[in-house]
């Protein structure tokens, strides 16, 4: 590891802490406008979405109830597999506006599954917000993310709570 910037060898810093926070603030401003005067369930997809959700929530001025689900398609792998539900939220979603928060939109299968689950629970609406969305030609689930901060090429990204041993290295 390069001790000067804490990046592992052969890696590149894509976004500084300041740029990440700028994108989060811009997204929060949009969400504050879109959800003004509405009750929101702020539903974080754990573990990956935790750091982004925390920073985003600090910039929101909404009437919101916070909860989480814990699902995974990756485990210790870098490619997705079968979806595993580890925790379902305890908040009643019926007739509520749900805002799903996750770290990254790669192929969309995890977000699609949680979105469908929320709708099955009777949510009035479900929208998704992610820090990073990837551009690639590997194919996507039949799902599109509603809000995102950063768009990147199809790279293995880590830091800010994403992958690589959940390090605090910023993308």
C-alpha atoms as a PDB file:
ATOM      1  CA  UNK A   1       0.000   0.000   0.000  1.00  0.00           C
ATOM      2  CA  UNK A   2       1.094   3.510  -0.734  1.00  0.00           C
ATOM      3  CA  UNK A   3       1.079   5.154   2.705  1.00  0.00           C
ATOM      4  CA  UNK A   4       0.832   8.657   1.222  1.00  0.00           C
ATOM      5  CA  UNK A   5      -2.722   8.207   0.005  1.00  0.00           C
ATOM      6  CA  UNK A   6      -3.668   4.782   1.436  1.00  0.00           C
ATOM      7  CA  UNK A   7      -4.402   3.334  -1.998  1.00  0.00           C
ATOM      8  CA  UNK A   8      -3.450  -0.263  -2.735  1.00  0.00           C
ATOM      9  CA  UNK A   9      -0.870  -0.758  -5.462  1.00  0.00           C
ATOM     10  CA  UNK A  10      -2.172  -0.597  -9.028  1.00  0.00           C
ATOM     11  CA  UNK A  11      -5.246   1.402  -8.050  1.00  0.00           C
ATOM     12  CA  UNK A  12      -6.334   4.900  -8.997  1.00  0.00           C
ATOM     13  CA  UNK A  13      -8.223   7.505  -7.014  1.00  0.00           C
ATOM     14  CA  UNK A  14     -11.331   8.307  -9.053  1.00  0.00           C
ATOM     15  CA  UNK A  15     -13.064  10.764  -6.716  1.00  0.00           C
ATOM     16  CA  UNK A  16     -11.842  12.709  -3.721  1.00  0.00           C
ATOM     17  CA  UNK A  17     -13.789  13.028  -0.493  1.00  0.00           C
ATOM     18  CA  UNK A  18     -14.731  16.574  -1.511  1.00  0.00           C
ATOM     19  CA  UNK A  19     -16.113  15.516  -4.899  1.00  0.00           C
ATOM     20  CA  UNK A  20     -18.096  12.670  -3.347  1.00  0.00           C
ATOM     21  CA  UNK A  21     -19.611  15.045  -0.795  1.00  0.00           C
ATOM     22  CA  UNK A  22     -20.477  17.535  -3.566  1.00  0.00           C
ATOM     23  CA  UNK A  23     -22.409  14.838  -5.459  1.00  0.00           C
ATOM     24  CA  UNK A  24     -24.177  13.752  -2.272  1.00  0.00           C
ATOM     25  CA  UNK A  25     -25.197  17.343  -1.500  1.00  0.00           C
ATOM     26  CA  UNK A  26     -26.571  17.799  -5.029  1.00  0.00           C
ATOM     27  CA  UNK A  27     -28.579  14.574  -4.735  1.00  0.00           C
ATOM     28  CA  UNK A  28     -29.878  15.616  -1.303  1.00  0.00           C
ATOM     29  CA  UNK A  29     -31.033  18.957  -2.712  1.00  0.00           C
ATOM     30  CA  UNK A  30     -33.005  17.120  -5.409  1.00  0.00           C
ATOM     31  CA  UNK A  31     -34.515  14.681  -2.890  1.00  0.00           C
ATOM     32  CA  UNK A  32     -35.449  17.520  -0.533  1.00  0.00           C
ATOM     33  CA  UNK A  33     -37.384  19.144  -3.382  1.00  0.00           C
ATOM     34  CA  UNK A  34     -38.948  15.912  -4.686  1.00  0.00           C
ATOM     35  CA  UNK A  35     -40.106  14.696  -1.254  1.00  0.00           C
ATOM     36  CA  UNK A  36     -41.026  18.036   0.333  1.00  0.00           C
ATOM     37  CA  UNK A  37     -44.043  17.664   2.667  1.00  0.00           C
ATOM     38  CA  UNK A  38     -44.101  13.856   2.289  1.00  0.00           C
ATOM     39  CA  UNK A  39     -43.457  11.147   4.851  1.00  0.00           C
ATOM     40  CA  UNK A  40     -40.599   8.966   3.675  1.00  0.00           C
ATOM     41  CA  UNK A  41     -39.190   5.614   4.723  1.00  0.00           C
ATOM     42  CA  UNK A  42     -35.427   5.943   4.206  1.00  0.00           C
ATOM     43  CA  UNK A  43     -34.475   2.288   3.645  1.00  0.00           C
ATOM     44  CA  UNK A  44     -30.777   1.520   3.475  1.00  0.00           C
ATOM     45  CA  UNK A  45     -29.497  -1.646   1.822  1.00  0.00           C
ATOM     46  CA  UNK A  46     -26.797  -2.913   4.152  1.00  0.00           C
ATOM     47  CA  UNK A  47     -23.880  -3.252   4.390  1.00  0.00           C
ATOM     48  CA  UNK A  48     -22.676  -1.463   1.290  1.00  0.00           C
ATOM     49  CA  UNK A  49     -25.095   1.448   1.476  1.00  0.00           C
ATOM     50  CA  UNK A  50     -24.349   2.359   5.092  1.00  0.00           C
ATOM     51  CA  UNK A  51     -21.695   5.061   4.660  1.00  0.00           C
ATOM     52  CA  UNK A  52     -23.412   6.705   1.691  1.00  0.00           C
ATOM     53  CA  UNK A  53     -26.795   6.569   3.474  1.00  0.00           C
ATOM     54  CA  UNK A  54     -25.311   8.231   6.547  1.00  0.00           C
ATOM     55  CA  UNK A  55     -23.815  11.095   4.554  1.00  0.00           C
ATOM     56  CA  UNK A  56     -26.948  11.503   2.460  1.00  0.00           C
ATOM     57  CA  UNK A  57     -29.255  11.526   5.508  1.00  0.00           C
ATOM     58  CA  UNK A  58     -27.200  14.308   7.107  1.00  0.00           C
ATOM     59  CA  UNK A  59     -28.057  16.505   4.107  1.00  0.00           C
ATOM     60  CA  UNK A  60     -31.779  15.745   4.013  1.00  0.00           C
ATOM     61  CA  UNK A  61     -34.481  17.880   5.552  1.00  0.00           C
ATOM     62  CA  UNK A  62     -37.351  15.402   5.274  1.00  0.00           C
ATOM     63  CA  UNK A  63     -39.957  13.827   7.517  1.00  0.00           C
ATOM     64  CA  UNK A  64     -38.456  10.354   7.384  1.00  0.00           C
ATOM     65  CA  UNK A  65     -38.348   7.111   9.263  1.00  0.00           C
ATOM     66  CA  UNK A  66     -35.084   5.218   8.900  1.00  0.00           C
ATOM     67  CA  UNK A  67     -34.721   1.457   8.623  1.00  0.00           C
ATOM     68  CA  UNK A  68     -32.669  -1.071   6.708  1.00  0.00           C
ATOM     69  CA  UNK A  69     -32.657  -4.372   4.895  1.00  0.00           C
ATOM     70  CA  UNK A  70     -29.621  -6.571   4.618  1.00  0.00           C
ATOM     71  CA  UNK A  71     -29.303  -8.481   1.388  1.00  0.00           C
ATOM     72  CA  UNK A  72     -26.322  -9.685  -0.560  1.00  0.00           C
ATOM     73  CA  UNK A  73     -25.529 -11.117  -3.960  1.00  0.00           C
ATOM     74  CA  UNK A  74     -21.779 -10.924  -3.538  1.00  0.00           C
ATOM     75  CA  UNK A  75     -20.708 -12.327  -0.171  1.00  0.00           C
ATOM     76  CA  UNK A  76     -16.918 -12.489  -0.442  1.00  0.00           C
ATOM     77  CA  UNK A  77     -16.995 -12.615  -4.258  1.00  0.00           C
ATOM     78  CA  UNK A  78     -16.648  -9.792  -6.777  1.00  0.00           C
ATOM     79  CA  UNK A  79     -19.471 -11.040  -9.012  1.00  0.00           C
ATOM     80  CA  UNK A  80     -23.099 -11.462  -8.017  1.00  0.00           C
ATOM     81  CA  UNK A  81     -24.834 -14.713  -7.276  1.00  0.00           C
ATOM     82  CA  UNK A  82     -28.111 -15.684  -5.635  1.00  0.00           C
ATOM     83  CA  UNK A  83     -29.770 -13.019  -3.495  1.00  0.00           C
ATOM     84  CA  UNK A  84     -29.544 -13.791   0.224  1.00  0.00           C
ATOM     85  CA  UNK A  85     -31.883 -11.967   2.650  1.00  0.00           C
ATOM     86  CA  UNK A  86     -30.217 -11.497   6.026  1.00  0.00           C
ATOM     87  CA  UNK A  87     -32.600  -8.908   7.545  1.00  0.00           C
ATOM     88  CA  UNK A  88     -35.948  -7.448   6.521  1.00  0.00           C
ATOM     89  CA  UNK A  89     -36.981  -4.062   7.841  1.00  0.00           C
ATOM     90  CA  UNK A  90     -39.467  -3.818  10.693  1.00  0.00           C
ATOM     91  CA  UNK A  91     -41.099  -0.592   9.481  1.00  0.00           C
ATOM     92  CA  UNK A  92     -44.576  -0.983   8.032  1.00  0.00           C
ATOM     93  CA  UNK A  93     -44.306   0.096   4.398  1.00  0.00           C
ATOM     94  CA  UNK A  94     -48.005   0.061   3.489  1.00  0.00           C
ATOM     95  CA  UNK A  95     -49.041   3.354   1.880  1.00  0.00           C
ATOM     96  CA  UNK A  96     -45.634   4.955   2.534  1.00  0.00           C
ATOM     97  CA  UNK A  97     -43.102   6.500   0.151  1.00  0.00           C
ATOM     98  CA  UNK A  98     -39.948   4.397   0.261  1.00  0.00           C
ATOM     99  CA  UNK A  99     -36.547   5.692  -0.706  1.00  0.00           C
ATOM    100  CA  UNK A 100     -34.099   2.798  -1.232  1.00  0.00           C
ATOM    101  CA  UNK A 101     -30.475   3.732  -0.582  1.00  0.00           C
ATOM    102  CA  UNK A 102     -27.533   1.660  -1.823  1.00  0.00           C
ATOM    103  CA  UNK A 103     -23.893   2.213  -2.638  1.00  0.00           C
ATOM    104  CA  UNK A 104     -23.742   1.111  -6.267  1.00  0.00           C
ATOM    105  CA  UNK A 105     -25.953   0.246  -9.215  1.00  0.00           C
ATOM    106  CA  UNK A 106     -24.074  -2.392 -11.169  1.00  0.00           C
ATOM    107  CA  UNK A 107     -26.527  -4.771 -12.824  1.00  0.00           C
ATOM    108  CA  UNK A 108     -29.545  -3.835 -10.711  1.00  0.00           C
ATOM    109  CA  UNK A 109     -30.679  -7.235  -9.455  1.00  0.00           C
ATOM    110  CA  UNK A 110     -30.394  -6.407  -5.749  1.00  0.00           C
ATOM    111  CA  UNK A 111     -32.222  -3.089  -6.069  1.00  0.00           C
ATOM    112  CA  UNK A 112     -34.881  -4.672  -8.272  1.00  0.00           C
ATOM    113  CA  UNK A 113     -35.519  -7.428  -5.708  1.00  0.00           C
ATOM    114  CA  UNK A 114     -35.773  -5.001  -2.783  1.00  0.00           C
ATOM    115  CA  UNK A 115     -37.965  -2.648  -4.852  1.00  0.00           C
ATOM    116  CA  UNK A 116     -40.344  -5.534  -5.639  1.00  0.00           C
ATOM    117  CA  UNK A 117     -40.360  -6.606  -1.969  1.00  0.00           C
ATOM    118  CA  UNK A 118     -41.313  -3.058  -0.882  1.00  0.00           C
ATOM    119  CA  UNK A 119     -44.149  -2.984  -3.406  1.00  0.00           C
ATOM    120  CA  UNK A 120     -45.368  -6.381  -2.154  1.00  0.00           C
ATOM    121  CA  UNK A 121     -45.456  -4.822   1.331  1.00  0.00           C
ATOM    122  CA  UNK A 122     -47.818  -2.144  -0.021  1.00  0.00           C
ATOM    123  CA  UNK A 123     -45.519   0.864  -0.424  1.00  0.00           C
ATOM    124  CA  UNK A 124     -47.251   3.830  -2.076  1.00  0.00           C
ATOM    125  CA  UNK A 125     -44.094   4.495  -4.086  1.00  0.00           C
ATOM    126  CA  UNK A 126     -40.535   3.190  -4.233  1.00  0.00           C
ATOM    127  CA  UNK A 127     -37.588   5.151  -5.613  1.00  0.00           C
ATOM    128  CA  UNK A 128     -33.895   4.289  -5.486  1.00  0.00           C
ATOM    129  CA  UNK A 129     -30.828   6.421  -4.812  1.00  0.00           C
ATOM    130  CA  UNK A 130     -27.245   5.222  -5.214  1.00  0.00           C
ATOM    131  CA  UNK A 131     -23.897   6.906  -4.982  1.00  0.00           C
ATOM    132  CA  UNK A 132     -22.418   5.198  -8.051  1.00  0.00           C
ATOM    133  CA  UNK A 133     -23.898   3.784 -11.229  1.00  0.00           C
ATOM    134  CA  UNK A 134     -21.770   1.773 -13.659  1.00  0.00           C
ATOM    135  CA  UNK A 135     -21.804   1.998 -17.467  1.00  0.00           C
ATOM    136  CA  UNK A 136     -21.215  -1.383 -19.071  1.00  0.00           C
ATOM    137  CA  UNK A 137     -22.502  -3.839 -21.673  1.00  0.00           C
ATOM    138  CA  UNK A 138     -22.825  -6.892 -19.401  1.00  0.00           C
ATOM    139  CA  UNK A 139     -26.588  -6.438 -19.167  1.00  0.00           C
ATOM    140  CA  UNK A 140     -28.880  -5.077 -16.525  1.00  0.00           C
ATOM    141  CA  UNK A 141     -31.929  -6.245 -14.649  1.00  0.00           C
ATOM    142  CA  UNK A 142     -35.210  -4.811 -15.864  1.00  0.00           C
ATOM    143  CA  UNK A 143     -34.759  -1.898 -13.466  1.00  0.00           C
ATOM    144  CA  UNK A 144     -33.436   1.639 -13.579  1.00  0.00           C
ATOM    145  CA  UNK A 145     -32.145   3.684 -10.678  1.00  0.00           C
ATOM    146  CA  UNK A 146     -33.997   6.930  -9.959  1.00  0.00           C
ATOM    147  CA  UNK A 147     -31.190   9.022  -8.436  1.00  0.00           C
ATOM    148  CA  UNK A 148     -27.423   8.655  -8.641  1.00  0.00           C
ATOM    149  CA  UNK A 149     -24.436  10.812  -7.837  1.00  0.00           C
ATOM    150  CA  UNK A 150     -21.550   9.471  -9.904  1.00  0.00           C
ATOM    151  CA  UNK A 151     -21.347   7.483 -13.137  1.00  0.00           C
ATOM    152  CA  UNK A 152     -18.240   5.359 -13.757  1.00  0.00           C
ATOM    153  CA  UNK A 153     -16.977   2.991 -16.405  1.00  0.00           C
ATOM    154  CA  UNK A 154     -17.096  -0.751 -15.711  1.00  0.00           C
ATOM    155  CA  UNK A 155     -14.283  -0.829 -13.182  1.00  0.00           C
ATOM    156  CA  UNK A 156     -13.812  -2.721  -9.940  1.00  0.00           C
ATOM    157  CA  UNK A 157     -14.358   0.104  -7.490  1.00  0.00           C
ATOM    158  CA  UNK A 158     -13.840   0.115  -3.755  1.00  0.00           C
ATOM    159  CA  UNK A 159     -13.647   2.447  -0.830  1.00  0.00           C
ATOM    160  CA  UNK A 160     -16.238   4.562   0.907  1.00  0.00           C
ATOM    161  CA  UNK A 161     -17.572   1.331   2.411  1.00  0.00           C
ATOM    162  CA  UNK A 162     -17.645  -0.522  -0.909  1.00  0.00           C
ATOM    163  CA  UNK A 163     -15.899  -3.858  -1.229  1.00  0.00           C
ATOM    164  CA  UNK A 164     -12.143  -4.218  -0.606  1.00  0.00           C
ATOM    165  CA  UNK A 165     -12.415  -5.330   2.991  1.00  0.00           C
ATOM    166  CA  UNK A 166     -14.872  -2.462   3.673  1.00  0.00           C
ATOM    167  CA  UNK A 167     -11.956  -0.071   3.763  1.00  0.00           C
ATOM    168  CA  UNK A 168     -12.473   3.641   4.198  1.00  0.00           C
ATOM    169  CA  UNK A 169     -10.535   4.506   1.078  1.00  0.00           C
ATOM    170  CA  UNK A 170     -12.556   6.964  -0.981  1.00  0.00           C
ATOM    171  CA  UNK A 171     -13.364   6.317  -4.609  1.00  0.00           C
END
